[in-house]
PDB file of N, CA and C in Angstrom:
ATOM      1  N   LEU A   1      35.998 128.203  30.473  1.00  0.00           N
ATOM      2  CA  LEU A   1      36.288 126.960  31.151  1.00  0.00           C
ATOM      3  C   LEU A   1      37.645 127.091  31.826  1.00  0.00           C
ATOM      4  N   THR A   2      37.705 126.738  33.075  1.00  0.00           N
ATOM      5  CA  THR A   2      38.962 126.806  33.812  1.00  0.00           C
ATOM      6  C   THR A   2      39.448 125.392  34.114  1.00  0.00           C
ATOM      7  N   PRO A   3      40.732 125.231  34.430  1.00  0.00           N
ATOM      8  CA  PRO A   3      41.225 123.899  34.798  1.00  0.00           C
ATOM      9  C   PRO A   3      40.446 123.272  35.957  1.00  0.00           C
ATOM     10  N   GLU A   4      39.948 124.090  36.851  1.00  0.00           N
ATOM     11  CA  GLU A   4      39.193 123.569  37.989  1.00  0.00           C
ATOM     12  C   GLU A   4      37.843 122.987  37.569  1.00  0.00           C
ATOM     13  N   GLN A   5      37.375 123.345  36.392  1.00  0.00           N
ATOM     14  CA  GLN A   5      36.089 122.865  35.895  1.00  0.00           C
ATOM     15  C   GLN A   5      36.225 121.610  35.032  1.00  0.00           C
ATOM     16  N   THR A   6      37.414 121.088  34.893  1.00  0.00           N
ATOM     17  CA  THR A   6      37.645 119.919  34.050  1.00  0.00           C
ATOM     18  C   THR A   6      38.134 118.739  34.881  1.00  0.00           C
ATOM     19  N   TYR A   7      37.971 117.568  34.320  1.00  0.00           N
ATOM     20  CA  TYR A   7      38.459 116.335  34.931  1.00  0.00           C
ATOM     21  C   TYR A   7      39.154 115.515  33.864  1.00  0.00           C
ATOM     22  N   SER A   8      40.271 114.947  34.217  1.00  0.00           N
ATOM     23  CA  SER A   8      40.971 114.031  33.334  1.00  0.00           C
ATOM     24  C   SER A   8      40.653 112.618  33.806  1.00  0.00           C
ATOM     25  N   LEU A   9      40.111 111.796  32.912  1.00  0.00           N
ATOM     26  CA  LEU A   9      39.664 110.460  33.293  1.00  0.00           C
ATOM     27  C   LEU A   9      40.366 109.384  32.484  1.00  0.00           C
ATOM     28  N   THR A  10      40.612 108.266  33.133  1.00  0.00           N
ATOM     29  CA  THR A  10      41.098 107.080  32.438  1.00  0.00           C
ATOM     30  C   THR A  10      39.883 106.326  31.896  1.00  0.00           C
ATOM     31  N   PRO A  11      40.072 105.404  30.958  1.00  0.00           N
ATOM     32  CA  PRO A  11      38.928 104.611  30.482  1.00  0.00           C
ATOM     33  C   PRO A  11      38.207 103.870  31.611  1.00  0.00           C
ATOM     34  N   ASN A  12      38.935 103.382  32.597  1.00  0.00           N
ATOM     35  CA  ASN A  12      38.288 102.691  33.724  1.00  0.00           C
ATOM     36  C   ASN A  12      37.416 103.647  34.531  1.00  0.00           C
ATOM     37  N   GLN A  13      37.885 104.862  34.739  1.00  0.00           N
ATOM     38  CA  GLN A  13      37.088 105.851  35.467  1.00  0.00           C
ATOM     39  C   GLN A  13      35.863 106.256  34.655  1.00  0.00           C
ATOM     40  N   LEU A  14      36.024 106.358  33.366  1.00  0.00           N
ATOM     41  CA  LEU A  14      34.920 106.730  32.491  1.00  0.00           C
ATOM     42  C   LEU A  14      33.789 105.701  32.558  1.00  0.00           C
ATOM     43  N   ALA A  15      34.143 104.454  32.745  1.00  0.00           N
ATOM     44  CA  ALA A  15      33.146 103.380  32.765  1.00  0.00           C
ATOM     45  C   ALA A  15      32.189 103.478  33.945  1.00  0.00           C
ATOM     46  N   VAL A  16      32.573 104.157  35.022  1.00  0.00           N
ATOM     47  CA  VAL A  16      31.718 104.209  36.215  1.00  0.00           C
ATOM     48  C   VAL A  16      30.968 105.535  36.365  1.00  0.00           C
ATOM     49  N   ILE A  17      31.047 106.398  35.382  1.00  0.00           N
ATOM     50  CA  ILE A  17      30.312 107.666  35.436  1.00  0.00           C
ATOM     51  C   ILE A  17      28.821 107.378  35.283  1.00  0.00           C
ATOM     52  N   PRO A  18      27.972 108.018  36.088  1.00  0.00           N
ATOM     53  CA  PRO A  18      26.520 107.795  35.968  1.00  0.00           C
ATOM     54  C   PRO A  18      26.025 108.090  34.554  1.00  0.00           C
ATOM     55  N   LYS A  19      25.177 107.227  34.054  1.00  0.00           N
ATOM     56  CA  LYS A  19      24.670 107.359  32.682  1.00  0.00           C
ATOM     57  C   LYS A  19      23.453 108.276  32.586  1.00  0.00           C
ATOM     58  N   ASP A  20      22.899 108.687  33.722  1.00  0.00           N
ATOM     59  CA  ASP A  20      21.677 109.491  33.697  1.00  0.00           C
ATOM     60  C   ASP A  20      21.943 110.989  33.630  1.00  0.00           C
ATOM     61  N   ARG A  21      23.183 111.383  33.377  1.00  0.00           N
ATOM     62  CA  ARG A  21      23.538 112.798  33.275  1.00  0.00           C
ATOM     63  C   ARG A  21      24.195 113.075  31.938  1.00  0.00           C
ATOM     64  N   GLN A  22      24.144 114.336  31.545  1.00  0.00           N
ATOM     65  CA  GLN A  22      24.770 114.771  30.296  1.00  0.00           C
ATOM     66  C   GLN A  22      26.179 115.278  30.592  1.00  0.00           C
ATOM     67  N   TYR A  23      27.149 114.728  29.930  1.00  0.00           N
ATOM     68  CA  TYR A  23      28.533 115.162  30.061  1.00  0.00           C
ATOM     69  C   TYR A  23      29.081 115.459  28.676  1.00  0.00           C
ATOM     70  N   HIS A  24      30.041 116.358  28.618  1.00  0.00           N
ATOM     71  CA  HIS A  24      30.743 116.655  27.374  1.00  0.00           C
ATOM     72  C   HIS A  24      32.137 116.057  27.492  1.00  0.00           C
ATOM     73  N   TYR A  25      32.599 115.399  26.443  1.00  0.00           N
ATOM     74  CA  TYR A  25      33.886 114.712  26.458  1.00  0.00           C
ATOM     75  C   TYR A  25      34.806 115.279  25.390  1.00  0.00           C
ATOM     76  N   TRP A  26      36.081 115.383  25.738  1.00  0.00           N
ATOM     77  CA  TRP A  26      37.115 115.758  24.778  1.00  0.00           C
ATOM     78  C   TRP A  26      38.149 114.648  24.803  1.00  0.00           C
ATOM     79  N   TYR A  27      38.257 113.933  23.709  1.00  0.00           N
ATOM     80  CA  TYR A  27      39.195 112.823  23.595  1.00  0.00           C
ATOM     81  C   TYR A  27      40.473 113.323  22.942  1.00  0.00           C
ATOM     82  N   LEU A  28      41.569 113.222  23.658  1.00  0.00           N
ATOM     83  CA  LEU A  28      42.876 113.592  23.127  1.00  0.00           C
ATOM     84  C   LEU A  28      43.553 112.342  22.583  1.00  0.00           C
ATOM     85  N   GLY A  29      44.053 112.419  21.384  1.00  0.00           N
ATOM     86  CA  GLY A  29      44.796 111.302  20.837  1.00  0.00           C
ATOM     87  C   GLY A  29      44.136 110.626  19.651  1.00  0.00           C
ATOM     88  N   ASN A  30      43.048 111.195  19.157  1.00  0.00           N
ATOM     89  CA  ASN A  30      42.398 110.694  17.938  1.00  0.00           C
ATOM     90  C   ASN A  30      42.021 109.220  17.982  1.00  0.00           C
ATOM     91  N   HIS A  31      41.510 108.751  19.097  1.00  0.00           N
ATOM     92  CA  HIS A  31      40.998 107.387  19.133  1.00  0.00           C
ATOM     93  C   HIS A  31      39.478 107.421  19.154  1.00  0.00           C
ATOM     94  N   GLU A  32      38.873 106.287  18.983  1.00  0.00           N
ATOM     95  CA  GLU A  32      37.416 106.207  18.951  1.00  0.00           C
ATOM     96  C   GLU A  32      36.828 106.573  20.308  1.00  0.00           C
ATOM     97  N   PRO A  33      35.717 107.302  20.327  1.00  0.00           N
ATOM     98  CA  PRO A  33      35.062 107.643  21.593  1.00  0.00           C
ATOM     99  C   PRO A  33      34.701 106.389  22.383  1.00  0.00           C
ATOM    100  N   LEU A  34      34.850 106.474  23.691  1.00  0.00           N
ATOM    101  CA  LEU A  34      34.572 105.346  24.573  1.00  0.00           C
ATOM    102  C   LEU A  34      33.155 105.370  25.119  1.00  0.00           C
ATOM    103  N   THR A  35      32.393 106.377  24.780  1.00  0.00           N
ATOM    104  CA  THR A  35      31.014 106.483  25.250  1.00  0.00           C
ATOM    105  C   THR A  35      30.124 106.842  24.075  1.00  0.00           C
ATOM    106  N   ASP A  36      28.832 106.795  24.302  1.00  0.00           N
ATOM    107  CA  ASP A  36      27.896 107.239  23.273  1.00  0.00           C
ATOM    108  C   ASP A  36      27.376 108.636  23.601  1.00  0.00           C
ATOM    109  N   ALA A  37      28.234 109.443  24.202  1.00  0.00           N
ATOM    110  CA  ALA A  37      27.858 110.800  24.599  1.00  0.00           C
ATOM    111  C   ALA A  37      27.413 111.604  23.387  1.00  0.00           C
ATOM    112  N   GLN A  38      26.421 112.444  23.608  1.00  0.00           N
ATOM    113  CA  GLN A  38      25.923 113.297  22.539  1.00  0.00           C
ATOM    114  C   GLN A  38      27.004 114.282  22.099  1.00  0.00           C
ATOM    115  N   VAL A  39      27.740 114.829  23.047  1.00  0.00           N
ATOM    116  CA  VAL A  39      28.767 115.819  22.738  1.00  0.00           C
ATOM    117  C   VAL A  39      30.136 115.240  23.062  1.00  0.00           C
ATOM    118  N   HIS A  40      30.926 115.029  22.023  1.00  0.00           N
ATOM    119  CA  HIS A  40      32.304 114.616  22.244  1.00  0.00           C
ATOM    120  C   HIS A  40      33.185 115.268  21.186  1.00  0.00           C
ATOM    121  N   LEU A  41      34.301 115.768  21.638  1.00  0.00           N
ATOM    122  CA  LEU A  41      35.287 116.398  20.772  1.00  0.00           C
ATOM    123  C   LEU A  41      36.472 115.458  20.663  1.00  0.00           C
ATOM    124  N   GLN A  42      37.139 115.474  19.513  1.00  0.00           N
ATOM    125  CA  GLN A  42      38.312 114.646  19.318  1.00  0.00           C
ATOM    126  C   GLN A  42      39.426 115.498  18.738  1.00  0.00           C
ATOM    127  N   SER A  43      40.647 115.246  19.215  1.00  0.00           N
ATOM    128  CA  SER A  43      41.800 115.961  18.683  1.00  0.00           C
ATOM    129  C   SER A  43      43.053 115.141  18.939  1.00  0.00           C
ATOM    130  N   PRO A  44      44.157 115.519  18.277  1.00  0.00           N
ATOM    131  CA  PRO A  44      45.432 114.900  18.617  1.00  0.00           C
ATOM    132  C   PRO A  44      45.826 115.285  20.046  1.00  0.00           C
ATOM    133  N   VAL A  45      46.849 114.650  20.569  1.00  0.00           N
ATOM    134  CA  VAL A  45      47.352 115.019  21.892  1.00  0.00           C
ATOM    135  C   VAL A  45      47.794 116.478  21.864  1.00  0.00           C
ATOM    136  N   LEU A  46      47.905 117.093  23.030  1.00  0.00           N
ATOM    137  CA  LEU A  46      48.150 118.537  23.106  1.00  0.00           C
ATOM    138  C   LEU A  46      49.412 118.979  22.381  1.00  0.00           C
ATOM    139  N   ASN A  47      50.508 118.222  22.478  1.00  0.00           N
ATOM    140  CA  ASN A  47      51.742 118.609  21.784  1.00  0.00           C
ATOM    141  C   ASN A  47      51.507 118.747  20.285  1.00  0.00           C
ATOM    142  N   GLU A  48      50.794 117.785  19.701  1.00  0.00           N
ATOM    143  CA  GLU A  48      50.503 117.825  18.268  1.00  0.00           C
ATOM    144  C   GLU A  48      49.499 118.924  17.940  1.00  0.00           C
ATOM    145  N   LEU A  49      48.493 119.067  18.773  1.00  0.00           N
ATOM    146  CA  LEU A  49      47.476 120.093  18.550  1.00  0.00           C
ATOM    147  C   LEU A  49      48.107 121.479  18.548  1.00  0.00           C
ATOM    148  N   TYR A  50      49.030 121.711  19.444  1.00  0.00           N
ATOM    149  CA  TYR A  50      49.705 123.005  19.566  1.00  0.00           C
ATOM    150  C   TYR A  50      50.409 123.389  18.263  1.00  0.00           C
ATOM    151  N   GLN A  51      50.964 122.400  17.560  1.00  0.00           N
ATOM    152  CA  GLN A  51      51.781 122.675  16.379  1.00  0.00           C
ATOM    153  C   GLN A  51      51.047 122.506  15.051  1.00  0.00           C
ATOM    154  N   ASP A  52      49.824 122.010  15.069  1.00  0.00           N
ATOM    155  CA  ASP A  52      49.120 121.665  13.832  1.00  0.00           C
ATOM    156  C   ASP A  52      47.906 122.566  13.617  1.00  0.00           C
ATOM    157  N   GLY A  53      48.036 123.505  12.699  1.00  0.00           N
ATOM    158  CA  GLY A  53      46.949 124.439  12.418  1.00  0.00           C
ATOM    159  C   GLY A  53      45.681 123.760  11.921  1.00  0.00           C
ATOM    160  N   HIS A  54      45.830 122.705  11.129  1.00  0.00           N
ATOM    161  CA  HIS A  54      44.656 121.977  10.633  1.00  0.00           C
ATOM    162  C   HIS A  54      43.904 121.317  11.785  1.00  0.00           C
ATOM    163  N   ALA A  55      44.642 120.752  12.722  1.00  0.00           N
ATOM    164  CA  ALA A  55      44.004 120.101  13.878  1.00  0.00           C
ATOM    165  C   ALA A  55      43.298 121.132  14.753  1.00  0.00           C
ATOM    166  N   LYS A  56      43.901 122.305  14.898  1.00  0.00           N
ATOM    167  CA  LYS A  56      43.253 123.368  15.676  1.00  0.00           C
ATOM    168  C   LYS A  56      41.941 123.790  15.024  1.00  0.00           C
ATOM    169  N   ARG A  57      41.964 123.956  13.710  1.00  0.00           N
ATOM    170  CA  ARG A  57      40.746 124.324  12.990  1.00  0.00           C
ATOM    171  C   ARG A  57      39.678 123.244  13.118  1.00  0.00           C
ATOM    172  N   ALA A  58      40.092 121.992  13.025  1.00  0.00           N
ATOM    173  CA  ALA A  58      39.132 120.889  13.137  1.00  0.00           C
ATOM    174  C   ALA A  58      38.497 120.869  14.528  1.00  0.00           C
ATOM    175  N   LEU A  59      39.300 121.109  15.562  1.00  0.00           N
ATOM    176  CA  LEU A  59      38.754 121.154  16.920  1.00  0.00           C
ATOM    177  C   LEU A  59      37.807 122.340  17.065  1.00  0.00           C
ATOM    178  N   TRP A  60      38.190 123.481  16.521  1.00  0.00           N
ATOM    179  CA  TRP A  60      37.328 124.665  16.604  1.00  0.00           C
ATOM    180  C   TRP A  60      36.003 124.420  15.885  1.00  0.00           C
ATOM    181  N   GLN A  61      36.039 123.754  14.748  1.00  0.00           N
ATOM    182  CA  GLN A  61      34.802 123.434  14.028  1.00  0.00           C
ATOM    183  C   GLN A  61      33.895 122.530  14.863  1.00  0.00           C
ATOM    184  N   GLN A  62      34.490 121.588  15.579  1.00  0.00           N
ATOM    185  CA  GLN A  62      33.696 120.726  16.452  1.00  0.00           C
ATOM    186  C   GLN A  62      33.058 121.538  17.577  1.00  0.00           C
ATOM    187  N   ILE A  63      33.827 122.445  18.155  1.00  0.00           N
ATOM    188  CA  ILE A  63      33.300 123.294  19.233  1.00  0.00           C
ATOM    189  C   ILE A  63      32.130 124.117  18.705  1.00  0.00           C
ATOM    190  N   CYS A  64      32.279 124.689  17.512  1.00  0.00           N
ATOM    191  CA  CYS A  64      31.191 125.481  16.921  1.00  0.00           C
ATOM    192  C   CYS A  64      29.969 124.618  16.643  1.00  0.00           C
ATOM    193  N   GLN A  65      30.190 123.386  16.220  1.00  0.00           N
ATOM    194  CA  GLN A  65      29.084 122.475  15.941  1.00  0.00           C
ATOM    195  C   GLN A  65      28.241 122.228  17.197  1.00  0.00           C
ATOM    196  N   TYR A  66      28.886 122.159  18.350  1.00  0.00           N
ATOM    197  CA  TYR A  66      28.200 121.868  19.609  1.00  0.00           C
ATOM    198  C   TYR A  66      27.977 123.114  20.465  1.00  0.00           C
ATOM    199  N   GLU A  67      28.085 124.294  19.866  1.00  0.00           N
ATOM    200  CA  GLU A  67      28.014 125.542  20.628  1.00  0.00           C
ATOM    201  C   GLU A  67      26.765 125.623  21.500  1.00  0.00           C
ATOM    202  N   LYS A  68      25.623 125.226  20.984  1.00  0.00           N
ATOM    203  CA  LYS A  68      24.385 125.298  21.770  1.00  0.00           C
ATOM    204  C   LYS A  68      24.411 124.359  22.969  1.00  0.00           C
ATOM    205  N   ASP A  69      25.175 123.277  22.883  1.00  0.00           N
ATOM    206  CA  ASP A  69      25.305 122.364  24.018  1.00  0.00           C
ATOM    207  C   ASP A  69      26.212 122.944  25.100  1.00  0.00           C
ATOM    208  N   PHE A  70      27.212 123.714  24.679  1.00  0.00           N
ATOM    209  CA  PHE A  70      28.114 124.335  25.647  1.00  0.00           C
ATOM    210  C   PHE A  70      27.494 125.574  26.283  1.00  0.00           C
ATOM    211  N   TYR A  71      26.718 126.315  25.499  1.00  0.00           N
ATOM    212  CA  TYR A  71      26.104 127.563  25.963  1.00  0.00           C
ATOM    213  C   TYR A  71      24.602 127.533  25.679  1.00  0.00           C
ATOM    214  N   PRO A  72      23.830 126.720  26.407  1.00  0.00           N
ATOM    215  CA  PRO A  72      22.402 126.567  26.090  1.00  0.00           C
ATOM    216  C   PRO A  72      21.584 127.844  26.257  1.00  0.00           C
ATOM    217  N   ASP A  73      22.026 128.777  27.080  1.00  0.00           N
ATOM    218  CA  ASP A  73      21.274 130.011  27.312  1.00  0.00           C
ATOM    219  C   ASP A  73      21.607 131.106  26.308  1.00  0.00           C
ATOM    220  N   ALA A  74      22.540 130.842  25.406  1.00  0.00           N
ATOM    221  CA  ALA A  74      22.986 131.869  24.461  1.00  0.00           C
ATOM    222  C   ALA A  74      21.941 132.171  23.393  1.00  0.00           C
ATOM    223  N   GLY A  75      20.959 131.282  23.232  1.00  0.00           N
ATOM    224  CA  GLY A  75      19.867 131.520  22.281  1.00  0.00           C
ATOM    225  C   GLY A  75      20.317 131.351  20.895  1.00  0.00           C
TER     226      GLY A  75
END
């Protein structure tokens, strides 16, 4: 994943995203998800994530949990 493949959205922008498509969300800041998306990751803000090994592991576990959603052709 490259920076060009990501979008940073505000809650207002998130509200107008079409509901008929599948999107993956990463919520920074440990707040409740704003959508009912099938795939959503949660973590502390980047400064905290950078310094907290437990938070990094928790994020990695979430990524592994949704691995088939991120890489559907991986079998």
